[in-house]
Amino acid sequence: YLGGTIVLVDTIYPKSIAEAISVHGVTCMMGLAPMYETMLELLEHK
């Protein structure tokens, strides 16, 4: 609708999500609470 960009990832592993945000400059994402939990755990180590 907006003429924006879609980033697709195969898996919902925290590393895949974090890399997609970092590489593509993702501004918006939709996820479940456990996804954000695991992302925070990942950010503690890298």
All heavy atoms as atom14 arrays in JSON, in Angstrom:
{
  "sequence": "YLGGTIVLVDTIYPKSIAEAISVHGVTCMMGLAPMYETMLELLEHK",
  "atom14_mask": [
    [1, 1, 1, 1, 1, 1, 1, 1, 1, 1, 1, 1, 0, 0],
    [1, 1, 1, 1, 1, 1, 1, 1, 0, 0, 0, 0, 0, 0],
    [1, 1, 1, 1, 0, 0, 0, 0, 0, 0, 0, 0, 0, 0],
    [1, 1, 1, 1, 0, 0, 0, 0, 0, 0, 0, 0, 0, 0],
    [1, 1, 1, 1, 1, 1, 1, 0, 0, 0, 0, 0, 0, 0],
    [1, 1, 1, 1, 1, 1, 1, 1, 0, 0, 0, 0, 0, 0],
    [1, 1, 1, 1, 1, 1, 1, 0, 0, 0, 0, 0, 0, 0],
    [1, 1, 1, 1, 1, 1, 1, 1, 0, 0, 0, 0, 0, 0],
    [1, 1, 1, 1, 1, 1, 1, 0, 0, 0, 0, 0, 0, 0],
    [1, 1, 1, 1, 1, 1, 1, 1, 0, 0, 0, 0, 0, 0],
    [1, 1, 1, 1, 1, 1, 1, 0, 0, 0, 0, 0, 0, 0],
    [1, 1, 1, 1, 1, 1, 1, 1, 0, 0, 0, 0, 0, 0],
    [1, 1, 1, 1, 1, 1, 1, 1, 1, 1, 1, 1, 0, 0],
    [1, 1, 1, 1, 1, 1, 1, 0, 0, 0, 0, 0, 0, 0],
    [1, 1, 1, 1, 1, 1, 1, 1, 1, 0, 0, 0, 0, 0],
    [1, 1, 1, 1, 1, 1, 0, 0, 0, 0, 0, 0, 0, 0],
    [1, 1, 1, 1, 1, 1, 1, 1, 0, 0, 0, 0, 0, 0],
    [1, 1, 1, 1, 1, 0, 0, 0, 0, 0, 0, 0, 0, 0],
    [1, 1, 1, 1, 1, 1, 1, 1, 1, 0, 0, 0, 0, 0],
    [1, 1, 1, 1, 1, 0, 0, 0, 0, 0, 0, 0, 0, 0],
    [1, 1, 1, 1, 1, 1, 1, 1, 0, 0, 0, 0, 0, 0],
    [1, 1, 1, 1, 1, 1, 0, 0, 0, 0, 0, 0, 0, 0],
    [1, 1, 1, 1, 1, 1, 1, 0, 0, 0, 0, 0, 0, 0],
    [1, 1, 1, 1, 1, 1, 1, 1, 1, 1, 0, 0, 0, 0],
    [1, 1, 1, 1, 0, 0, 0, 0, 0, 0, 0, 0, 0, 0],
    [1, 1, 1, 1, 1, 1, 1, 0, 0, 0, 0, 0, 0, 0],
    [1, 1, 1, 1, 1, 1, 1, 0, 0, 0, 0, 0, 0, 0],
    [1, 1, 1, 1, 1, 1, 0, 0, 0, 0, 0, 0, 0, 0],
    [1, 1, 1, 1, 1, 1, 1, 1, 0, 0, 0, 0, 0, 0],
    [1, 1, 1, 1, 1, 1, 1, 1, 0, 0, 0, 0, 0, 0],
    [1, 1, 1, 1, 0, 0, 0, 0, 0, 0, 0, 0, 0, 0],
    [1, 1, 1, 1, 1, 1, 1, 1, 0, 0, 0, 0, 0, 0],
    [1, 1, 1, 1, 1, 0, 0, 0, 0, 0, 0, 0, 0, 0],
    [1, 1, 1, 1, 1, 1, 1, 0, 0, 0, 0, 0, 0, 0],
    [1, 1, 1, 1, 1, 1, 1, 1, 0, 0, 0, 0, 0, 0],
    [1, 1, 1, 1, 1, 1, 1, 1, 1, 1, 1, 1, 0, 0],
    [1, 1, 1, 1, 1, 1, 1, 1, 1, 0, 0, 0, 0, 0],
    [1, 1, 1, 1, 1, 1, 1, 0, 0, 0, 0, 0, 0, 0],
    [1, 1, 1, 1, 1, 1, 1, 1, 0, 0, 0, 0, 0, 0],
    [1, 1, 1, 1, 1, 1, 1, 1, 0, 0, 0, 0, 0, 0],
    [1, 1, 1, 1, 1, 1, 1, 1, 1, 0, 0, 0, 0, 0],
    [1, 1, 1, 1, 1, 1, 1, 1, 0, 0, 0, 0, 0, 0],
    [1, 1, 1, 1, 1, 1, 1, 1, 0, 0, 0, 0, 0, 0],
    [1, 1, 1, 1, 1, 1, 1, 1, 1, 0, 0, 0, 0, 0],
    [1, 1, 1, 1, 1, 1, 1, 1, 1, 1, 0, 0, 0, 0],
    [1, 1, 1, 1, 1, 1, 1, 1, 1, 0, 0, 0, 0, 0]
  ],
  "atom14_positions": [
    [[0.83, -1.21, 0.0], [0.0, 0.0, 0.0], [0.87, 1.26, 0.0], [0.58, 2.24, -0.7], [-0.93, -0.01, 1.21], [-1.67, 1.29, 1.43], [-2.75, 1.64, 0.6], [-1.3, 2.18, 2.44], [-3.42, 2.84, 0.78], [-1.97, 3.37, 2.62], [-3.03, 3.7, 1.8], [-3.69, 4.89, 1.98], [0.0, 0.0, 0.0], [0.0, 0.0, 0.0]],
    [[1.94, 1.24, 0.77], [2.78, 2.42, 0.94], [3.86, 2.57, -0.13], [4.46, 3.64, -0.26], [3.46, 2.37, 2.31], [2.54, 2.52, 3.53], [3.28, 2.09, 4.79], [2.06, 3.96, 3.66], [0.0, 0.0, 0.0], [0.0, 0.0, 0.0], [0.0, 0.0, 0.0], [0.0, 0.0, 0.0], [0.0, 0.0, 0.0], [0.0, 0.0, 0.0]],
    [[4.12, 1.5, -0.87], [5.26, 1.51, -1.77], [6.56, 1.34, -1.01], [7.61, 1.84, -1.41], [0.0, 0.0, 0.0], [0.0, 0.0, 0.0], [0.0, 0.0, 0.0], [0.0, 0.0, 0.0], [0.0, 0.0, 0.0], [0.0, 0.0, 0.0], [0.0, 0.0, 0.0], [0.0, 0.0, 0.0], [0.0, 0.0, 0.0], [0.0, 0.0, 0.0]],
    [[6.49, 0.6, 0.1], [7.67, 0.35, 0.92], [8.39, -0.92, 0.49], [8.11, -1.48, -0.57], [0.0, 0.0, 0.0], [0.0, 0.0, 0.0], [0.0, 0.0, 0.0], [0.0, 0.0, 0.0], [0.0, 0.0, 0.0], [0.0, 0.0, 0.0], [0.0, 0.0, 0.0], [0.0, 0.0, 0.0], [0.0, 0.0, 0.0], [0.0, 0.0, 0.0]],
    [[9.29, -1.4, 1.34], [10.1, -2.57, 1.03], [9.82, -3.7, 2.01], [9.7, -3.47, 3.22], [11.6, -2.21, 1.07], [11.87, -1.24, 0.06], [12.47, -3.45, 0.83], [0.0, 0.0, 0.0], [0.0, 0.0, 0.0], [0.0, 0.0, 0.0], [0.0, 0.0, 0.0], [0.0, 0.0, 0.0], [0.0, 0.0, 0.0], [0.0, 0.0, 0.0]],
    [[9.73, -4.91, 1.47], [9.49, -6.12, 2.26], [10.8, -6.87, 2.4], [11.47, -7.13, 1.39], [8.47, -7.04, 1.55], [7.2, -6.28, 1.18], [8.16, -8.27, 2.4], [6.46, -6.87, 0.0], [0.0, 0.0, 0.0], [0.0, 0.0, 0.0], [0.0, 0.0, 0.0], [0.0, 0.0, 0.0], [0.0, 0.0, 0.0], [0.0, 0.0, 0.0]],
    [[11.16, -7.24, 3.62], [12.33, -8.09, 3.85], [11.82, -9.46, 4.3], [11.06, -9.57, 5.26], [13.27, -7.5, 4.92], [14.42, -8.46, 5.22], [13.81, -6.14, 4.47], [0.0, 0.0, 0.0], [0.0, 0.0, 0.0], [0.0, 0.0, 0.0], [0.0, 0.0, 0.0], [0.0, 0.0, 0.0], [0.0, 0.0, 0.0], [0.0, 0.0, 0.0]],
    [[12.24, -10.5, 3.59], [11.82, -11.86, 3.92], [12.97, -12.64, 4.53], [14.11, -12.55, 4.06], [11.33, -12.59, 2.67], [10.1, -12.01, 1.96], [9.77, -12.85, 0.72], [8.89, -11.97, 2.9], [0.0, 0.0, 0.0], [0.0, 0.0, 0.0], [0.0, 0.0, 0.0], [0.0, 0.0, 0.0], [0.0, 0.0, 0.0], [0.0, 0.0, 0.0]],
    [[12.68, -13.4, 5.58], [13.66, -14.3, 6.18], [13.07, -15.7, 6.25], [11.86, -15.86, 6.44], [14.11, -13.84, 7.59], [14.92, -12.56, 7.5], [12.91, -13.65, 8.51], [0.0, 0.0, 0.0], [0.0, 0.0, 0.0], [0.0, 0.0, 0.0], [0.0, 0.0, 0.0], [0.0, 0.0, 0.0], [0.0, 0.0, 0.0], [0.0, 0.0, 0.0]],
    [[13.93, -16.71, 6.1], [13.46, -18.11, 6.12], [13.02, -18.54, 7.51], [12.01, -19.22, 7.68], [14.59, -19.05, 5.66], [14.91, -18.87, 4.19], [13.97, -18.73, 3.39], [16.1, -18.86, 3.87], [0.0, 0.0, 0.0], [0.0, 0.0, 0.0], [0.0, 0.0, 0.0], [0.0, 0.0, 0.0], [0.0, 0.0, 0.0], [0.0, 0.0, 0.0]],
    [[13.81, -18.15, 8.51], [13.58, -18.64, 9.86], [13.32, -17.49, 10.81], [13.57, -16.32, 10.49], [14.8, -19.42, 10.36], [15.92, -18.51, 10.51], [15.18, -20.53, 9.39], [0.0, 0.0, 0.0], [0.0, 0.0, 0.0], [0.0, 0.0, 0.0], [0.0, 0.0, 0.0], [0.0, 0.0, 0.0], [0.0, 0.0, 0.0], [0.0, 0.0, 0.0]],
    [[12.82, -17.82, 11.99], [12.59, -16.8, 13.01], [13.58, -16.95, 14.16], [13.3, -16.6, 15.3], [11.13, -16.84, 13.53], [10.78, -18.23, 14.08], [10.16, -16.43, 12.43], [9.41, -18.28, 14.74], [0.0, 0.0, 0.0], [0.0, 0.0, 0.0], [0.0, 0.0, 0.0], [0.0, 0.0, 0.0], [0.0, 0.0, 0.0], [0.0, 0.0, 0.0]],
    [[14.76, -17.48, 13.84], [15.83, -17.51, 14.83], [16.28, -16.09, 15.13], [16.31, -15.23, 14.23], [17.02, -18.33, 14.32], [16.7, -19.78, 14.1], [16.97, -20.41, 12.88], [16.12, -20.56, 15.11], [16.69, -21.75, 12.67], [15.83, -21.9, 14.91], [16.11, -22.48, 13.7], [15.81, -23.81, 13.49], [0.0, 0.0, 0.0], [0.0, 0.0, 0.0]],
    [[16.65, -15.8, 16.38], [17.02, -14.42, 16.74], [18.17, -13.87, 15.91], [18.17, -12.68, 15.56], [17.38, -14.53, 18.23], [17.55, -15.98, 18.51], [16.67, -16.7, 17.55], [0.0, 0.0, 0.0], [0.0, 0.0, 0.0], [0.0, 0.0, 0.0], [0.0, 0.0, 0.0], [0.0, 0.0, 0.0], [0.0, 0.0, 0.0], [0.0, 0.0, 0.0]],
    [[19.15, -14.73, 15.58], [20.26, -14.26, 14.77], [19.8, -13.82, 13.38], [20.24, -12.79, 12.86], [21.32, -15.36, 14.64], [22.57, -14.93, 13.88], [23.59, -16.05, 13.81], [24.82, -15.62, 13.01], [25.82, -16.72, 12.91], [0.0, 0.0, 0.0], [0.0, 0.0, 0.0], [0.0, 0.0, 0.0], [0.0, 0.0, 0.0], [0.0, 0.0, 0.0]],
    [[18.9, -14.61, 12.76], [18.38, -14.25, 11.44], [17.64, -12.92, 11.48], [17.76, -12.09, 10.57], [17.43, -15.35, 10.92], [18.08, -16.58, 10.84], [0.0, 0.0, 0.0], [0.0, 0.0, 0.0], [0.0, 0.0, 0.0], [0.0, 0.0, 0.0], [0.0, 0.0, 0.0], [0.0, 0.0, 0.0], [0.0, 0.0, 0.0], [0.0, 0.0, 0.0]],
    [[16.84, -12.73, 12.54], [16.07, -11.49, 12.68], [17.0, -10.3, 12.88], [16.87, -9.27, 12.22], [15.08, -11.61, 13.85], [14.05, -12.72, 13.57], [14.37, -10.28, 14.09], [13.18, -13.07, 14.77], [0.0, 0.0, 0.0], [0.0, 0.0, 0.0], [0.0, 0.0, 0.0], [0.0, 0.0, 0.0], [0.0, 0.0, 0.0], [0.0, 0.0, 0.0]],
    [[17.96, -10.43, 13.81], [18.89, -9.33, 14.09], [19.72, -8.97, 12.87], [19.94, -7.78, 12.57], [19.78, -9.7, 15.27], [0.0, 0.0, 0.0], [0.0, 0.0, 0.0], [0.0, 0.0, 0.0], [0.0, 0.0, 0.0], [0.0, 0.0, 0.0], [0.0, 0.0, 0.0], [0.0, 0.0, 0.0], [0.0, 0.0, 0.0], [0.0, 0.0, 0.0]],
    [[20.18, -9.98, 12.13], [20.97, -9.72, 10.93], [20.14, -9.02, 9.86], [20.63, -8.12, 9.17], [21.55, -11.02, 10.39], [22.69, -11.57, 11.22], [23.26, -12.86, 10.67], [22.6, -13.47, 9.78], [24.34, -13.28, 11.13], [0.0, 0.0, 0.0], [0.0, 0.0, 0.0], [0.0, 0.0, 0.0], [0.0, 0.0, 0.0], [0.0, 0.0, 0.0]],
    [[18.87, -9.43, 9.72], [18.0, -8.8, 8.72], [17.78, -7.33, 9.05], [17.82, -6.47, 8.16], [16.67, -9.53, 8.65], [0.0, 0.0, 0.0], [0.0, 0.0, 0.0], [0.0, 0.0, 0.0], [0.0, 0.0, 0.0], [0.0, 0.0, 0.0], [0.0, 0.0, 0.0], [0.0, 0.0, 0.0], [0.0, 0.0, 0.0], [0.0, 0.0, 0.0]],
    [[17.55, -7.03, 10.33], [17.35, -5.63, 10.74], [18.6, -4.83, 10.45], [18.54, -3.71, 9.91], [16.99, -5.56, 12.24], [15.65, -6.26, 12.5], [16.91, -4.1, 12.7], [15.33, -6.44, 13.98], [0.0, 0.0, 0.0], [0.0, 0.0, 0.0], [0.0, 0.0, 0.0], [0.0, 0.0, 0.0], [0.0, 0.0, 0.0], [0.0, 0.0, 0.0]],
    [[19.74, -5.39, 10.82], [21.01, -4.68, 10.66], [21.38, -4.46, 9.19], [21.75, -3.36, 8.78], [22.11, -5.47, 11.37], [23.36, -4.85, 11.21], [0.0, 0.0, 0.0], [0.0, 0.0, 0.0], [0.0, 0.0, 0.0], [0.0, 0.0, 0.0], [0.0, 0.0, 0.0], [0.0, 0.0, 0.0], [0.0, 0.0, 0.0], [0.0, 0.0, 0.0]],
    [[21.25, -5.51, 8.38], [21.68, -5.45, 6.97], [20.75, -4.58, 6.13], [21.2, -3.79, 5.3], [21.76, -6.87, 6.37], [21.95, -6.81, 4.86], [22.88, -7.66, 7.03], [0.0, 0.0, 0.0], [0.0, 0.0, 0.0], [0.0, 0.0, 0.0], [0.0, 0.0, 0.0], [0.0, 0.0, 0.0], [0.0, 0.0, 0.0], [0.0, 0.0, 0.0]],
    [[19.44, -4.72, 6.36], [18.47, -4.05, 5.49], [17.91, -2.75, 6.07], [17.11, -2.08, 5.42], [17.31, -5.0, 5.18], [17.72, -6.23, 4.43], [18.06, -6.22, 3.11], [17.86, -7.52, 4.85], [18.39, -7.43, 2.72], [18.29, -8.24, 3.76], [0.0, 0.0, 0.0], [0.0, 0.0, 0.0], [0.0, 0.0, 0.0], [0.0, 0.0, 0.0]],
    [[18.3, -2.4, 7.28], [17.77, -1.18, 7.89], [16.28, -1.27, 8.16], [15.53, -0.32, 7.91], [0.0, 0.0, 0.0], [0.0, 0.0, 0.0], [0.0, 0.0, 0.0], [0.0, 0.0, 0.0], [0.0, 0.0, 0.0], [0.0, 0.0, 0.0], [0.0, 0.0, 0.0], [0.0, 0.0, 0.0], [0.0, 0.0, 0.0], [0.0, 0.0, 0.0]],
    [[15.86, -2.43, 8.67], [14.43, -2.64, 8.95], [13.93, -1.61, 9.96], [14.58, -1.34, 10.98], [14.19, -4.07, 9.49], [12.79, -4.22, 10.07], [14.44, -5.09, 8.39], [0.0, 0.0, 0.0], [0.0, 0.0, 0.0], [0.0, 0.0, 0.0], [0.0, 0.0, 0.0], [0.0, 0.0, 0.0], [0.0, 0.0, 0.0], [0.0, 0.0, 0.0]],
    [[12.77, -1.03, 9.67], [12.18, -0.04, 10.57], [10.95, -0.57, 11.3], [10.62, -0.08, 12.38], [11.77, 1.22, 9.79], [10.8, 0.87, 8.79], [12.97, 1.87, 9.1], [0.0, 0.0, 0.0], [0.0, 0.0, 0.0], [0.0, 0.0, 0.0], [0.0, 0.0, 0.0], [0.0, 0.0, 0.0], [0.0, 0.0, 0.0], [0.0, 0.0, 0.0]],
    [[10.26, -1.57, 10.71], [9.03, -2.09, 11.29], [9.08, -3.61, 11.3], [9.46, -4.23, 10.31], [7.8, -1.66, 10.48], [7.72, 0.09, 10.15], [0.0, 0.0, 0.0], [0.0, 0.0, 0.0], [0.0, 0.0, 0.0], [0.0, 0.0, 0.0], [0.0, 0.0, 0.0], [0.0, 0.0, 0.0], [0.0, 0.0, 0.0], [0.0, 0.0, 0.0]],
    [[8.66, -4.2, 12.41], [8.58, -5.66, 12.45], [7.4, -6.09, 13.31], [7.0, -5.39, 14.23], [9.87, -6.27, 12.98], [10.2, -5.94, 14.41], [11.72, -6.75, 15.0], [11.13, -8.43, 15.24], [0.0, 0.0, 0.0], [0.0, 0.0, 0.0], [0.0, 0.0, 0.0], [0.0, 0.0, 0.0], [0.0, 0.0, 0.0], [0.0, 0.0, 0.0]],
    [[6.86, -7.24, 12.98], [5.78, -7.84, 13.77], [6.26, -9.19, 14.27], [6.76, -10.01, 13.5], [4.52, -8.02, 12.92], [3.47, -8.94, 13.54], [2.73, -8.34, 15.07], [1.29, -7.47, 14.42], [0.0, 0.0, 0.0], [0.0, 0.0, 0.0], [0.0, 0.0, 0.0], [0.0, 0.0, 0.0], [0.0, 0.0, 0.0], [0.0, 0.0, 0.0]],
    [[6.14, -9.4, 15.58], [6.57, -10.67, 16.15], [5.76, -11.02, 17.38], [4.86, -10.29, 17.77], [0.0, 0.0, 0.0], [0.0, 0.0, 0.0], [0.0, 0.0, 0.0], [0.0, 0.0, 0.0], [0.0, 0.0, 0.0], [0.0, 0.0, 0.0], [0.0, 0.0, 0.0], [0.0, 0.0, 0.0], [0.0, 0.0, 0.0], [0.0, 0.0, 0.0]],
    [[6.1, -12.15, 17.97], [5.5, -12.57, 19.23], [6.47, -12.26, 20.36], [7.68, -12.13, 20.15], [5.2, -14.06, 19.2], [4.21, -14.56, 18.16], [4.15, -16.08, 18.18], [2.82, -13.98, 18.39], [0.0, 0.0, 0.0], [0.0, 0.0, 0.0], [0.0, 0.0, 0.0], [0.0, 0.0, 0.0], [0.0, 0.0, 0.0], [0.0, 0.0, 0.0]],
    [[5.93, -12.18, 21.57], [6.76, -11.85, 22.72], [8.0, -12.74, 22.85], [9.11, -12.22, 23.11], [5.91, -11.91, 24.0], [0.0, 0.0, 0.0], [0.0, 0.0, 0.0], [0.0, 0.0, 0.0], [0.0, 0.0, 0.0], [0.0, 0.0, 0.0], [0.0, 0.0, 0.0], [0.0, 0.0, 0.0], [0.0, 0.0, 0.0], [0.0, 0.0, 0.0]],
    [[7.89, -14.07, 22.65], [9.1, -14.91, 22.78], [10.21, -14.55, 21.79], [11.39, -14.74, 22.09], [8.57, -16.32, 22.51], [7.12, -16.27, 22.86], [6.68, -14.9, 22.47], [0.0, 0.0, 0.0], [0.0, 0.0, 0.0], [0.0, 0.0, 0.0], [0.0, 0.0, 0.0], [0.0, 0.0, 0.0], [0.0, 0.0, 0.0], [0.0, 0.0, 0.0]],
    [[9.83, -14.03, 20.61], [10.85, -13.61, 19.64], [11.69, -12.47, 20.2], [12.92, -12.44, 20.06], [10.2, -13.17, 18.33], [9.46, -14.26, 17.58], [8.73, -13.59, 16.07], [7.75, -15.0, 15.54], [0.0, 0.0, 0.0], [0.0, 0.0, 0.0], [0.0, 0.0, 0.0], [0.0, 0.0, 0.0], [0.0, 0.0, 0.0], [0.0, 0.0, 0.0]],
    [[11.01, -11.52, 20.85], [11.73, -10.38, 21.43], [12.56, -10.82, 22.63], [13.66, -10.29, 22.87], [10.74, -9.29, 21.81], [10.04, -8.66, 20.61], [8.71, -8.92, 20.34], [10.74, -7.84, 19.74], [8.07, -8.36, 19.24], [10.13, -7.26, 18.63], [8.78, -7.54, 18.38], [8.18, -6.99, 17.29], [0.0, 0.0, 0.0], [0.0, 0.0, 0.0]],
    [[12.05, -11.79, 23.38], [12.82, -12.35, 24.5], [14.14, -12.93, 24.0], [15.22, -12.66, 24.56], [12.01, -13.45, 25.2], [10.78, -12.97, 25.93], [11.06, -12.68, 27.4], [12.24, -12.52, 27.75], [10.08, -12.59, 28.17], [0.0, 0.0, 0.0], [0.0, 0.0, 0.0], [0.0, 0.0, 0.0], [0.0, 0.0, 0.0], [0.0, 0.0, 0.0]],
    [[14.07, -13.75, 22.96], [15.28, -14.41, 22.45], [16.23, -13.41, 21.79], [17.44, -13.59, 21.82], [14.93, -15.52, 21.45], [14.11, -14.99, 20.39], [14.16, -16.64, 22.14], [0.0, 0.0, 0.0], [0.0, 0.0, 0.0], [0.0, 0.0, 0.0], [0.0, 0.0, 0.0], [0.0, 0.0, 0.0], [0.0, 0.0, 0.0], [0.0, 0.0, 0.0]],
    [[15.67, -12.34, 21.21], [16.53, -11.3, 20.64], [17.34, -10.63, 21.74], [18.54, -10.36, 21.57], [15.68, -10.26, 19.9], [15.24, -10.67, 18.52], [14.28, -9.38, 17.69], [15.51, -8.09, 17.51], [0.0, 0.0, 0.0], [0.0, 0.0, 0.0], [0.0, 0.0, 0.0], [0.0, 0.0, 0.0], [0.0, 0.0, 0.0], [0.0, 0.0, 0.0]],
    [[16.69, -10.35, 22.88], [17.42, -9.73, 23.99], [18.51, -10.65, 24.52], [19.6, -10.2, 24.88], [16.44, -9.36, 25.11], [15.53, -8.15, 24.86], [14.62, -7.91, 26.05], [16.36, -6.9, 24.57], [0.0, 0.0, 0.0], [0.0, 0.0, 0.0], [0.0, 0.0, 0.0], [0.0, 0.0, 0.0], [0.0, 0.0, 0.0], [0.0, 0.0, 0.0]],
    [[18.22, -11.94, 24.57], [19.23, -12.9, 25.0], [20.43, -12.88, 24.05], [21.59, -12.95, 24.47], [18.62, -14.3, 25.07], [17.59, -14.47, 26.19], [16.9, -15.81, 26.13], [17.29, -16.67, 25.3], [15.94, -16.03, 26.9], [0.0, 0.0, 0.0], [0.0, 0.0, 0.0], [0.0, 0.0, 0.0], [0.0, 0.0, 0.0], [0.0, 0.0, 0.0]],
    [[20.14, -12.81, 22.73], [21.21, -12.75, 21.74], [22.05, -11.49, 21.92], [23.29, -11.54, 21.84], [20.61, -12.79, 20.33], [21.58, -12.59, 19.16], [22.49, -13.81, 19.03], [20.83, -12.35, 17.86], [0.0, 0.0, 0.0], [0.0, 0.0, 0.0], [0.0, 0.0, 0.0], [0.0, 0.0, 0.0], [0.0, 0.0, 0.0], [0.0, 0.0, 0.0]],
    [[21.39, -10.36, 22.17], [22.11, -9.09, 22.29], [23.01, -9.03, 23.51], [23.88, -8.16, 23.6], [21.1, -7.94, 22.3], [20.3, -7.74, 21.01], [19.25, -6.65, 21.18], [21.22, -7.41, 19.84], [0.0, 0.0, 0.0], [0.0, 0.0, 0.0], [0.0, 0.0, 0.0], [0.0, 0.0, 0.0], [0.0, 0.0, 0.0], [0.0, 0.0, 0.0]],
    [[22.78, -9.94, 24.46], [23.67, -10.01, 25.62], [25.04, -10.56, 25.23], [26.03, -10.33, 25.94], [23.04, -10.9, 26.7], [21.81, -10.31, 27.37], [22.13, -9.04, 28.14], [23.22, -8.99, 28.75], [21.31, -8.1, 28.13], [0.0, 0.0, 0.0], [0.0, 0.0, 0.0], [0.0, 0.0, 0.0], [0.0, 0.0, 0.0], [0.0, 0.0, 0.0]],
    [[25.1, -11.29, 24.12], [26.34, -11.96, 23.73], [26.98, -11.38, 22.47], [28.17, -11.59, 22.23], [26.07, -13.46, 23.51], [25.52, -14.15, 24.71], [24.16, -14.34, 24.91], [26.14, -14.67, 25.81], [23.97, -14.96, 26.06], [25.13, -15.18, 26.62], [0.0, 0.0, 0.0], [0.0, 0.0, 0.0], [0.0, 0.0, 0.0], [0.0, 0.0, 0.0]],
    [[26.19, -10.67, 21.67], [26.74, -10.12, 20.44], [26.03, -8.83, 20.08], [24.81, -8.71, 20.26], [26.6, -11.13, 19.29], [27.29, -10.71, 18.01], [27.25, -11.79, 16.95], [27.96, -11.36, 15.68], [27.93, -12.39, 14.63], [0.0, 0.0, 0.0], [0.0, 0.0, 0.0], [0.0, 0.0, 0.0], [0.0, 0.0, 0.0], [0.0, 0.0, 0.0]]
  ]
}
